Amino acid sequence: MNQDKKAQKQAVKRQKIIEAGSRLVVQKGIEKTSLADIAEEAGISKGSLYYYYASKNELIFDITEAHINQISKNLFTIIEESKGNADWEELLKILFERILAADTRGRLHLYLVQQALNDNDDLKQRFRKKYQEWKLMITEGFSMLEPKISNHKVLSSLIIAALDGFLIQSLLELETISGDEFVNHLDIKIKQ
């Protein structure tokens, strides 16, 4: 087998392990998910799992990376799709709808953030870096769509904080305001 095919096969197997691990983390949480559980869910032996991941922490790093990259990709896609076709209010409504509708991804996000905040400095650094990238991406996106607004950085921080807060409320099954209500209220405050 040539090196390219071998590397491709390993990448596919690694992705299968990451997906299995993600599903179990959403169902059981990080602490209650074992490598043996993940191997079984992925349909491989525990020995095969150890070939790819020597520790649970290594696997959690890759799950985190895949999760963060997916959120970044979704955010970038939303911004790219709307260029010239939507104002910032409409873009924000779409962003809220898509993120809050992704219940499974939201649960995974909260479990991984919790792990990062509890005792994992490497994960914490990854999340810090990505949150900074998200803030910059939102700031740049809104500055292109609405150059008259002078506080793009403040707006970006509020949006990220609101998304995290609404996600937590949604997962706790609390009544939340809609994306429309949030955007309308934010729009009033910005225009004051």
N, C-alpha and C. Protein backbone atom coordinates (compact mmCIF):
# COMPACT_ATOMS: atom_id res chain seq x y z
N MET A 1 0.86 -1.18 0.00
CA MET A 1 0.00 0.00 0.00
C MET A 1 0.90 1.24 0.00
N ASN A 2 0.64 2.17 -0.91
CA ASN A 2 1.49 3.35 -0.95
C ASN A 2 1.16 4.27 0.22
N GLN A 3 2.04 5.20 0.48
CA GLN A 3 1.95 6.08 1.65
C GLN A 3 0.69 6.95 1.64
N ASP A 4 0.30 7.45 0.44
CA ASP A 4 -0.89 8.30 0.36
C ASP A 4 -2.14 7.54 0.75
N LYS A 5 -2.27 6.31 0.24
CA LYS A 5 -3.45 5.50 0.57
C LYS A 5 -3.46 5.13 2.05
N LYS A 6 -2.29 4.83 2.59
CA LYS A 6 -2.20 4.48 4.00
C LYS A 6 -2.58 5.68 4.87
N ALA A 7 -2.07 6.86 4.52
CA ALA A 7 -2.39 8.08 5.26
C ALA A 7 -3.87 8.41 5.16
N GLN A 8 -4.45 8.20 3.98
CA GLN A 8 -5.87 8.46 3.78
C GLN A 8 -6.71 7.49 4.62
N LYS A 9 -6.32 6.23 4.63
CA LYS A 9 -7.04 5.22 5.42
C LYS A 9 -6.96 5.56 6.91
N GLN A 10 -5.80 5.99 7.36
CA GLN A 10 -5.64 6.37 8.77
C GLN A 10 -6.48 7.60 9.11
N ALA A 11 -6.56 8.56 8.19
CA ALA A 11 -7.36 9.77 8.41
C ALA A 11 -8.84 9.41 8.53
N VAL A 12 -9.30 8.48 7.70
CA VAL A 12 -10.69 8.04 7.76
C VAL A 12 -10.96 7.35 9.10
N LYS A 13 -10.06 6.50 9.53
CA LYS A 13 -10.21 5.79 10.81
C LYS A 13 -10.20 6.78 11.97
N ARG A 14 -9.30 7.74 11.92
CA ARG A 14 -9.22 8.77 12.96
C ARG A 14 -10.53 9.57 13.03
N GLN A 15 -11.07 9.92 11.87
CA GLN A 15 -12.34 10.66 11.82
C GLN A 15 -13.47 9.83 12.41
N LYS A 16 -13.48 8.55 12.12
CA LYS A 16 -14.50 7.65 12.67
C LYS A 16 -14.41 7.61 14.20
N ILE A 17 -13.20 7.58 14.72
CA ILE A 17 -12.98 7.58 16.17
C ILE A 17 -13.45 8.91 16.78
N ILE A 18 -13.11 10.01 16.14
CA ILE A 18 -13.52 11.34 16.62
C ILE A 18 -15.04 11.46 16.65
N GLU A 19 -15.70 10.99 15.59
CA GLU A 19 -17.16 11.05 15.54
C GLU A 19 -17.79 10.17 16.63
N ALA A 20 -17.24 8.98 16.83
CA ALA A 20 -17.75 8.09 17.88
C ALA A 20 -17.54 8.73 19.25
N GLY A 21 -16.37 9.28 19.47
CA GLY A 21 -16.08 9.96 20.74
C GLY A 21 -17.00 11.14 20.97
N SER A 22 -17.26 11.91 19.93
CA SER A 22 -18.15 13.06 20.04
C SER A 22 -19.56 12.63 20.44
N ARG A 23 -20.06 11.58 19.78
CA ARG A 23 -21.41 11.10 20.11
C ARG A 23 -21.49 10.68 21.58
N LEU A 24 -20.48 9.94 22.04
CA LEU A 24 -20.50 9.47 23.42
C LEU A 24 -20.35 10.60 24.43
N VAL A 25 -19.52 11.57 24.12
CA VAL A 25 -19.36 12.72 25.01
C VAL A 25 -20.68 13.45 25.15
N VAL A 26 -21.42 13.60 24.04
CA VAL A 26 -22.73 14.26 24.09
C VAL A 26 -23.70 13.44 24.95
N GLN A 27 -23.67 12.12 24.79
CA GLN A 27 -24.60 11.26 25.53
C GLN A 27 -24.24 11.13 27.01
N LYS A 28 -22.96 10.95 27.30
CA LYS A 28 -22.55 10.58 28.65
C LYS A 28 -21.71 11.61 29.39
N GLY A 29 -21.16 12.57 28.67
CA GLY A 29 -20.21 13.51 29.26
C GLY A 29 -18.79 12.97 29.12
N ILE A 30 -17.82 13.83 29.33
CA ILE A 30 -16.43 13.45 29.15
C ILE A 30 -15.97 12.46 30.21
N GLU A 31 -16.30 12.75 31.45
CA GLU A 31 -15.82 11.91 32.56
C GLU A 31 -16.33 10.48 32.48
N LYS A 32 -17.57 10.30 32.02
CA LYS A 32 -18.17 8.97 32.00
C LYS A 32 -17.92 8.21 30.71
N THR A 33 -17.19 8.83 29.79
CA THR A 33 -16.87 8.18 28.52
C THR A 33 -15.45 7.61 28.60
N SER A 34 -15.33 6.32 28.40
CA SER A 34 -14.01 5.68 28.46
C SER A 34 -13.50 5.40 27.04
N LEU A 35 -12.22 5.15 26.93
CA LEU A 35 -11.65 4.78 25.64
C LEU A 35 -12.25 3.46 25.16
N ALA A 36 -12.53 2.54 26.07
CA ALA A 36 -13.16 1.26 25.69
C ALA A 36 -14.54 1.52 25.08
N ASP A 37 -15.29 2.46 25.67
CA ASP A 37 -16.61 2.82 25.12
C ASP A 37 -16.46 3.38 23.70
N ILE A 38 -15.48 4.23 23.53
CA ILE A 38 -15.26 4.86 22.22
C ILE A 38 -14.85 3.82 21.18
N ALA A 39 -13.97 2.90 21.57
CA ALA A 39 -13.55 1.84 20.65
C ALA A 39 -14.76 1.02 20.21
N GLU A 40 -15.60 0.66 21.16
CA GLU A 40 -16.80 -0.12 20.83
C GLU A 40 -17.72 0.66 19.91
N GLU A 41 -17.95 1.93 20.22
CA GLU A 41 -18.82 2.78 19.40
C GLU A 41 -18.26 2.94 17.98
N ALA A 42 -16.94 3.00 17.86
CA ALA A 42 -16.30 3.16 16.55
C ALA A 42 -16.19 1.84 15.79
N GLY A 43 -16.47 0.72 16.49
CA GLY A 43 -16.40 -0.59 15.84
C GLY A 43 -14.98 -1.08 15.64
N ILE A 44 -14.10 -0.68 16.54
CA ILE A 44 -12.71 -1.14 16.45
C ILE A 44 -12.28 -1.71 17.80
N SER A 45 -11.14 -2.39 17.80
CA SER A 45 -10.64 -2.94 19.06
C SER A 45 -10.00 -1.82 19.89
N LYS A 46 -9.90 -2.06 21.17
CA LYS A 46 -9.27 -1.08 22.05
C LYS A 46 -7.80 -0.89 21.65
N GLY A 47 -7.14 -1.97 21.23
CA GLY A 47 -5.75 -1.89 20.76
C GLY A 47 -5.61 -0.99 19.55
N SER A 48 -6.57 -1.10 18.62
CA SER A 48 -6.55 -0.22 17.44
C SER A 48 -6.73 1.24 17.85
N LEU A 49 -7.61 1.47 18.83
CA LEU A 49 -7.82 2.83 19.30
C LEU A 49 -6.52 3.39 19.87
N TYR A 50 -5.80 2.57 20.64
CA TYR A 50 -4.54 3.03 21.23
C TYR A 50 -3.47 3.30 20.17
N TYR A 51 -3.59 2.67 19.01
CA TYR A 51 -2.66 2.96 17.91
C TYR A 51 -2.81 4.42 17.49
N TYR A 52 -4.06 4.91 17.50
CA TYR A 52 -4.33 6.28 17.08
C TYR A 52 -4.27 7.28 18.23
N TYR A 53 -4.68 6.85 19.42
CA TYR A 53 -4.72 7.74 20.57
C TYR A 53 -4.17 7.02 21.80
N ALA A 54 -3.04 7.49 22.28
CA ALA A 54 -2.40 6.87 23.45
C ALA A 54 -3.14 7.21 24.74
N SER A 55 -3.91 8.31 24.72
CA SER A 55 -4.63 8.70 25.93
C SER A 55 -5.97 9.34 25.57
N LYS A 56 -6.84 9.38 26.52
CA LYS A 56 -8.14 10.01 26.35
C LYS A 56 -7.96 11.51 26.08
N ASN A 57 -6.98 12.11 26.74
CA ASN A 57 -6.73 13.54 26.55
C ASN A 57 -6.39 13.86 25.09
N GLU A 58 -5.58 13.02 24.47
CA GLU A 58 -5.24 13.24 23.05
C GLU A 58 -6.49 13.21 22.18
N LEU A 59 -7.37 12.27 22.48
CA LEU A 59 -8.61 12.16 21.71
C LEU A 59 -9.51 13.38 21.97
N ILE A 60 -9.59 13.82 23.21
CA ILE A 60 -10.39 15.00 23.55
C ILE A 60 -9.85 16.23 22.81
N PHE A 61 -8.52 16.34 22.68
CA PHE A 61 -7.93 17.43 21.90
C PHE A 61 -8.46 17.41 20.46
N ASP A 62 -8.45 16.23 19.85
CA ASP A 62 -8.90 16.14 18.45
C ASP A 62 -10.41 16.36 18.33
N ILE A 63 -11.18 15.88 19.29
CA ILE A 63 -12.62 16.14 19.28
C ILE A 63 -12.85 17.65 19.39
N THR A 64 -12.11 18.29 20.28
CA THR A 64 -12.23 19.75 20.45
C THR A 64 -11.87 20.47 19.16
N GLU A 65 -10.77 20.08 18.57
CA GLU A 65 -10.32 20.72 17.33
C GLU A 65 -11.36 20.56 16.22
N ALA A 66 -11.90 19.36 16.07
CA ALA A 66 -12.92 19.12 15.04
C ALA A 66 -14.17 19.95 15.32
N HIS A 67 -14.57 20.00 16.57
CA HIS A 67 -15.76 20.77 16.97
C HIS A 67 -15.56 22.26 16.70
N ILE A 68 -14.45 22.80 17.13
CA ILE A 68 -14.16 24.22 16.95
C ILE A 68 -14.06 24.56 15.47
N ASN A 69 -13.42 23.69 14.70
CA ASN A 69 -13.31 23.93 13.26
C ASN A 69 -14.67 23.92 12.58
N GLN A 70 -15.58 23.05 13.04
CA GLN A 70 -16.92 22.99 12.46
C GLN A 70 -17.69 24.27 12.76
N ILE A 71 -17.61 24.75 13.99
CA ILE A 71 -18.29 26.01 14.33
C ILE A 71 -17.72 27.16 13.50
N SER A 72 -16.40 27.21 13.38
CA SER A 72 -15.76 28.27 12.59
C SER A 72 -16.20 28.20 11.14
N LYS A 73 -16.25 27.00 10.61
CA LYS A 73 -16.68 26.81 9.21
C LYS A 73 -18.12 27.28 9.04
N ASN A 74 -18.99 26.91 9.98
CA ASN A 74 -20.39 27.33 9.91
C ASN A 74 -20.51 28.85 9.97
N LEU A 75 -19.78 29.46 10.86
CA LEU A 75 -19.81 30.92 11.00
C LEU A 75 -19.32 31.59 9.72
N PHE A 76 -18.20 31.11 9.19
CA PHE A 76 -17.65 31.66 7.96
C PHE A 76 -18.64 31.49 6.80
N THR A 77 -19.28 30.32 6.72
CA THR A 77 -20.25 30.06 5.66
C THR A 77 -21.43 31.02 5.75
N ILE A 78 -21.92 31.24 6.96
CA ILE A 78 -23.05 32.16 7.14
C ILE A 78 -22.67 33.56 6.66
N ILE A 79 -21.49 34.02 7.04
CA ILE A 79 -21.04 35.35 6.62
C ILE A 79 -20.84 35.40 5.11
N GLU A 80 -20.21 34.37 4.53
CA GLU A 80 -19.96 34.34 3.09
C GLU A 80 -21.26 34.28 2.28
N GLU A 81 -22.20 33.46 2.74
CA GLU A 81 -23.46 33.30 2.02
C GLU A 81 -24.26 34.60 1.96
N SER A 82 -24.08 35.45 2.94
CA SER A 82 -24.91 36.64 3.04
C SER A 82 -24.30 37.87 2.37
N LYS A 83 -23.08 37.78 1.89
CA LYS A 83 -22.44 38.98 1.32
C LYS A 83 -23.32 39.62 0.26
N GLY A 84 -23.69 40.84 0.57
CA GLY A 84 -24.50 41.61 -0.37
C GLY A 84 -25.97 41.24 -0.39
N ASN A 85 -26.35 40.14 0.27
CA ASN A 85 -27.73 39.70 0.20
C ASN A 85 -28.52 39.96 1.47
N ALA A 86 -27.85 40.29 2.55
CA ALA A 86 -28.55 40.47 3.82
C ALA A 86 -27.90 41.60 4.61
N ASP A 87 -28.73 42.27 5.39
CA ASP A 87 -28.17 43.27 6.29
C ASP A 87 -27.69 42.55 7.56
N TRP A 88 -27.05 43.29 8.45
CA TRP A 88 -26.46 42.65 9.62
C TRP A 88 -27.52 42.03 10.52
N GLU A 89 -28.72 42.63 10.56
CA GLU A 89 -29.78 42.09 11.40
C GLU A 89 -30.20 40.71 10.92
N GLU A 90 -30.38 40.57 9.61
CA GLU A 90 -30.77 39.28 9.03
C GLU A 90 -29.67 38.24 9.22
N LEU A 91 -28.44 38.65 9.04
CA LEU A 91 -27.31 37.75 9.24
C LEU A 91 -27.26 37.24 10.68
N LEU A 92 -27.48 38.12 11.61
CA LEU A 92 -27.46 37.75 13.02
C LEU A 92 -28.60 36.78 13.36
N LYS A 93 -29.77 37.01 12.79
CA LYS A 93 -30.90 36.10 13.00
C LYS A 93 -30.57 34.71 12.48
N ILE A 94 -29.97 34.63 11.31
CA ILE A 94 -29.57 33.34 10.73
C ILE A 94 -28.55 32.66 11.63
N LEU A 95 -27.58 33.40 12.10
CA LEU A 95 -26.55 32.86 12.99
C LEU A 95 -27.18 32.26 14.25
N PHE A 96 -28.07 33.00 14.88
CA PHE A 96 -28.73 32.52 16.09
C PHE A 96 -29.55 31.26 15.81
N GLU A 97 -30.32 31.28 14.74
CA GLU A 97 -31.17 30.13 14.41
C GLU A 97 -30.34 28.88 14.21
N ARG A 98 -29.28 28.96 13.44
CA ARG A 98 -28.47 27.78 13.14
C ARG A 98 -27.74 27.24 14.36
N ILE A 99 -27.17 28.14 15.15
CA ILE A 99 -26.41 27.68 16.31
C ILE A 99 -27.33 27.10 17.38
N LEU A 100 -28.44 27.76 17.64
CA LEU A 100 -29.33 27.28 18.69
C LEU A 100 -30.10 26.03 18.25
N ALA A 101 -30.25 25.81 16.96
CA ALA A 101 -30.94 24.62 16.47
C ALA A 101 -30.06 23.38 16.56
N ALA A 102 -28.76 23.55 16.69
CA ALA A 102 -27.82 22.43 16.72
C ALA A 102 -27.64 21.94 18.15
N ASP A 103 -28.64 21.25 18.67
CA ASP A 103 -28.65 20.80 20.06
C ASP A 103 -27.45 19.91 20.38
N THR A 104 -27.16 18.95 19.53
CA THR A 104 -26.05 18.03 19.78
C THR A 104 -24.72 18.77 19.80
N ARG A 105 -24.52 19.64 18.83
CA ARG A 105 -23.27 20.41 18.79
C ARG A 105 -23.18 21.32 20.01
N GLY A 106 -24.30 21.86 20.46
CA GLY A 106 -24.31 22.71 21.64
C GLY A 106 -23.90 21.95 22.90
N ARG A 107 -24.43 20.76 23.05
CA ARG A 107 -24.06 19.93 24.21
C ARG A 107 -22.56 19.62 24.18
N LEU A 108 -22.07 19.24 23.02
CA LEU A 108 -20.65 18.94 22.89
C LEU A 108 -19.82 20.17 23.24
N HIS A 109 -20.24 21.33 22.75
CA HIS A 109 -19.52 22.57 23.02
C HIS A 109 -19.42 22.82 24.52
N LEU A 110 -20.53 22.68 25.21
CA LEU A 110 -20.52 22.94 26.66
C LEU A 110 -19.67 21.93 27.42
N TYR A 111 -19.73 20.67 27.05
CA TYR A 111 -18.89 19.66 27.71
C TYR A 111 -17.41 19.97 27.51
N LEU A 112 -17.05 20.36 26.30
CA LEU A 112 -15.65 20.65 26.01
C LEU A 112 -15.18 21.93 26.70
N VAL A 113 -16.03 22.94 26.73
CA VAL A 113 -15.67 24.18 27.44
C VAL A 113 -15.51 23.88 28.93
N GLN A 114 -16.42 23.09 29.47
CA GLN A 114 -16.33 22.72 30.89
C GLN A 114 -15.00 22.02 31.16
N GLN A 115 -14.61 21.09 30.31
CA GLN A 115 -13.34 20.38 30.48
C GLN A 115 -12.18 21.37 30.41
N ALA A 116 -12.26 22.31 29.48
CA ALA A 116 -11.19 23.30 29.32
C ALA A 116 -11.07 24.19 30.56
N LEU A 117 -12.19 24.54 31.13
CA LEU A 117 -12.18 25.43 32.28
C LEU A 117 -11.80 24.71 33.57
N ASN A 118 -12.10 23.44 33.66
CA ASN A 118 -11.84 22.69 34.89
C ASN A 118 -10.37 22.40 35.13
N ASP A 119 -9.74 21.77 34.17
CA ASP A 119 -8.38 21.33 34.48
C ASP A 119 -7.51 21.08 33.25
N ASN A 120 -7.87 21.67 32.15
CA ASN A 120 -7.12 21.36 30.95
C ASN A 120 -6.65 22.65 30.28
N ASP A 121 -5.45 23.06 30.61
CA ASP A 121 -4.93 24.33 30.09
C ASP A 121 -4.75 24.32 28.57
N ASP A 122 -4.40 23.15 28.00
CA ASP A 122 -4.25 23.08 26.54
C ASP A 122 -5.58 23.35 25.83
N LEU A 123 -6.65 22.72 26.33
CA LEU A 123 -7.96 22.98 25.74
C LEU A 123 -8.38 24.43 25.96
N LYS A 124 -8.08 24.95 27.13
CA LYS A 124 -8.42 26.34 27.43
C LYS A 124 -7.75 27.28 26.43
N GLN A 125 -6.48 27.03 26.11
CA GLN A 125 -5.76 27.86 25.15
C GLN A 125 -6.38 27.75 23.76
N ARG A 126 -6.79 26.53 23.38
CA ARG A 126 -7.43 26.34 22.07
C ARG A 126 -8.73 27.13 21.99
N PHE A 127 -9.55 27.03 23.04
CA PHE A 127 -10.81 27.77 23.04
C PHE A 127 -10.56 29.27 23.05
N ARG A 128 -9.61 29.73 23.82
CA ARG A 128 -9.30 31.16 23.87
C ARG A 128 -8.93 31.66 22.48
N LYS A 129 -8.07 30.92 21.81
CA LYS A 129 -7.64 31.31 20.46
C LYS A 129 -8.82 31.34 19.50
N LYS A 130 -9.67 30.32 19.55
CA LYS A 130 -10.80 30.27 18.63
C LYS A 130 -11.83 31.35 18.93
N TYR A 131 -12.08 31.61 20.20
CA TYR A 131 -13.02 32.68 20.54
C TYR A 131 -12.50 34.01 20.01
N GLN A 132 -11.19 34.24 20.09
CA GLN A 132 -10.62 35.48 19.55
C GLN A 132 -10.80 35.53 18.03
N GLU A 133 -10.61 34.37 17.37
CA GLU A 133 -10.81 34.31 15.92
C GLU A 133 -12.27 34.56 15.56
N TRP A 134 -13.20 33.96 16.33
CA TRP A 134 -14.63 34.18 16.07
C TRP A 134 -14.98 35.64 16.23
N LYS A 135 -14.46 36.26 17.29
CA LYS A 135 -14.75 37.67 17.54
C LYS A 135 -14.25 38.53 16.37
N LEU A 136 -13.04 38.25 15.90
CA LEU A 136 -12.49 38.98 14.77
C LEU A 136 -13.32 38.74 13.50
N MET A 137 -13.72 37.49 13.27
CA MET A 137 -14.51 37.16 12.10
C MET A 137 -15.85 37.90 12.12
N ILE A 138 -16.50 37.92 13.26
CA ILE A 138 -17.79 38.63 13.38
C ILE A 138 -17.58 40.13 13.24
N THR A 139 -16.53 40.65 13.87
CA THR A 139 -16.23 42.09 13.77
C THR A 139 -16.03 42.49 12.31
N GLU A 140 -15.21 41.74 11.60
CA GLU A 140 -14.94 42.06 10.19
C GLU A 140 -16.19 41.91 9.33
N GLY A 141 -16.96 40.84 9.60
CA GLY A 141 -18.19 40.63 8.84
C GLY A 141 -19.17 41.77 9.01
N PHE A 142 -19.38 42.20 10.25
CA PHE A 142 -20.33 43.29 10.49
C PHE A 142 -19.79 44.63 10.03
N SER A 143 -18.48 44.83 10.08
CA SER A 143 -17.94 46.11 9.60
C SER A 143 -18.11 46.23 8.09
N MET A 144 -18.09 45.11 7.38
CA MET A 144 -18.34 45.15 5.93
C MET A 144 -19.83 45.41 5.65
N LEU A 145 -20.69 44.80 6.45
CA LEU A 145 -22.12 44.93 6.22
C LEU A 145 -22.70 46.25 6.72
N GLU A 146 -22.13 46.74 7.81
CA GLU A 146 -22.68 47.94 8.45
C GLU A 146 -21.55 48.87 8.89
N PRO A 147 -20.91 49.55 7.93
CA PRO A 147 -19.77 50.40 8.28
C PRO A 147 -20.14 51.60 9.16
N LYS A 148 -21.41 51.97 9.21
CA LYS A 148 -21.83 53.13 10.01
C LYS A 148 -21.77 52.85 11.51
N ILE A 149 -21.85 51.57 11.89
CA ILE A 149 -21.78 51.22 13.31
C ILE A 149 -20.33 51.38 13.76
N SER A 150 -20.12 52.09 14.84
CA SER A 150 -18.75 52.38 15.27
C SER A 150 -18.21 51.38 16.29
N ASN A 151 -19.05 50.56 16.85
CA ASN A 151 -18.60 49.68 17.93
C ASN A 151 -18.69 48.20 17.54
N HIS A 152 -18.05 47.85 16.44
CA HIS A 152 -18.08 46.47 15.94
C HIS A 152 -17.52 45.47 16.95
N LYS A 153 -16.46 45.83 17.65
CA LYS A 153 -15.85 44.91 18.62
C LYS A 153 -16.79 44.65 19.79
N VAL A 154 -17.44 45.68 20.27
CA VAL A 154 -18.40 45.53 21.36
C VAL A 154 -19.56 44.65 20.89
N LEU A 155 -20.05 44.92 19.70
CA LEU A 155 -21.14 44.13 19.12
C LEU A 155 -20.74 42.66 19.01
N SER A 156 -19.54 42.40 18.55
CA SER A 156 -19.05 41.02 18.42
C SER A 156 -18.99 40.32 19.77
N SER A 157 -18.49 41.00 20.78
CA SER A 157 -18.42 40.41 22.12
C SER A 157 -19.81 40.10 22.66
N LEU A 158 -20.75 41.02 22.44
CA LEU A 158 -22.12 40.80 22.89
C LEU A 158 -22.77 39.61 22.18
N ILE A 159 -22.50 39.49 20.89
CA ILE A 159 -23.08 38.40 20.11
C ILE A 159 -22.56 37.05 20.60
N ILE A 160 -21.26 36.94 20.80
CA ILE A 160 -20.68 35.68 21.27
C ILE A 160 -21.19 35.34 22.66
N ALA A 161 -21.22 36.33 23.55
CA ALA A 161 -21.73 36.09 24.91
C ALA A 161 -23.19 35.68 24.87
N ALA A 162 -23.97 36.34 24.04
CA ALA A 162 -25.40 36.01 23.94
C ALA A 162 -25.59 34.60 23.38
N LEU A 163 -24.82 34.24 22.36
CA LEU A 163 -24.94 32.89 21.80
C LEU A 163 -24.64 31.83 22.85
N ASP A 164 -23.55 32.00 23.58
CA ASP A 164 -23.22 31.04 24.64
C ASP A 164 -24.32 31.00 25.70
N GLY A 165 -24.81 32.17 26.09
CA GLY A 165 -25.86 32.23 27.11
C GLY A 165 -27.16 31.60 26.65
N PHE A 166 -27.57 31.91 25.43
CA PHE A 166 -28.81 31.32 24.90
C PHE A 166 -28.66 29.81 24.72
N LEU A 167 -27.46 29.38 24.35
CA LEU A 167 -27.20 27.94 24.21
C LEU A 167 -27.38 27.24 25.55
N ILE A 168 -26.83 27.80 26.60
CA ILE A 168 -26.98 27.22 27.94
C ILE A 168 -28.45 27.20 28.33
N GLN A 169 -29.16 28.30 28.12
CA GLN A 169 -30.58 28.35 28.46
C GLN A 169 -31.39 27.32 27.68
N SER A 170 -31.05 27.18 26.41
CA SER A 170 -31.76 26.21 25.57
C SER A 170 -31.53 24.78 26.07
N LEU A 171 -30.29 24.46 26.41
CA LEU A 171 -29.98 23.11 26.89
C LEU A 171 -30.60 22.84 28.25
N LEU A 172 -30.80 23.90 29.04
CA LEU A 172 -31.48 23.75 30.34
C LEU A 172 -33.00 23.76 30.17
N GLU A 173 -33.43 23.91 28.90
CA GLU A 173 -34.85 23.94 28.55
C GLU A 173 -35.59 25.09 29.22
N LEU A 174 -34.89 26.23 29.29
CA LEU A 174 -35.50 27.45 29.80
C LEU A 174 -36.11 28.21 28.63
N GLU A 175 -37.11 28.98 28.92
CA GLU A 175 -37.71 29.82 27.88
C GLU A 175 -36.72 30.93 27.54
N THR A 176 -36.44 31.09 26.28
CA THR A 176 -35.52 32.14 25.85
C THR A 176 -36.24 33.05 24.87
N ILE A 177 -35.64 34.20 24.64
CA ILE A 177 -36.18 35.08 23.62
C ILE A 177 -35.74 34.54 22.27
N SER A 178 -36.43 34.94 21.24
CA SER A 178 -36.08 34.49 19.89
C SER A 178 -34.91 35.30 19.35
N GLY A 179 -34.33 34.79 18.29
CA GLY A 179 -33.28 35.54 17.60
C GLY A 179 -33.79 36.88 17.11
N ASP A 180 -35.05 36.90 16.64
CA ASP A 180 -35.66 38.16 16.18
C ASP A 180 -35.74 39.17 17.31
N GLU A 181 -36.20 38.72 18.49
CA GLU A 181 -36.33 39.63 19.63
C GLU A 181 -34.96 40.18 20.04
N PHE A 182 -33.97 39.30 20.08
CA PHE A 182 -32.63 39.74 20.46
C PHE A 182 -32.10 40.77 19.47
N VAL A 183 -32.20 40.47 18.19
CA VAL A 183 -31.69 41.38 17.16
C VAL A 183 -32.44 42.70 17.20
N ASN A 184 -33.75 42.66 17.34
CA ASN A 184 -34.51 43.91 17.39
C ASN A 184 -34.10 44.77 18.58
N HIS A 185 -33.91 44.14 19.74
CA HIS A 185 -33.49 44.90 20.92
C HIS A 185 -32.08 45.45 20.73
N LEU A 186 -31.19 44.64 20.20
CA LEU A 186 -29.81 45.06 19.96
C LEU A 186 -29.79 46.21 18.96
N ASP A 187 -30.62 46.13 17.94
CA ASP A 187 -30.70 47.17 16.93
C ASP A 187 -31.13 48.51 17.53
N ILE A 188 -32.08 48.46 18.44
CA ILE A 188 -32.53 49.70 19.12
C ILE A 188 -31.37 50.31 19.90
N LYS A 189 -30.63 49.46 20.64
CA LYS A 189 -29.52 49.96 21.46
C LYS A 189 -28.40 50.53 20.59
N ILE A 190 -28.13 49.91 19.46
CA ILE A 190 -27.06 50.38 18.58
C ILE A 190 -27.42 51.72 17.97
N LYS A 191 -28.65 51.89 17.64
CA LYS A 191 -29.08 53.13 16.96
C LYS A 191 -29.30 54.30 17.91
N GLN A 192 -29.23 54.05 19.22
CA GLN A 192 -29.42 55.14 20.19
C GLN A 192 -28.22 56.04 20.22
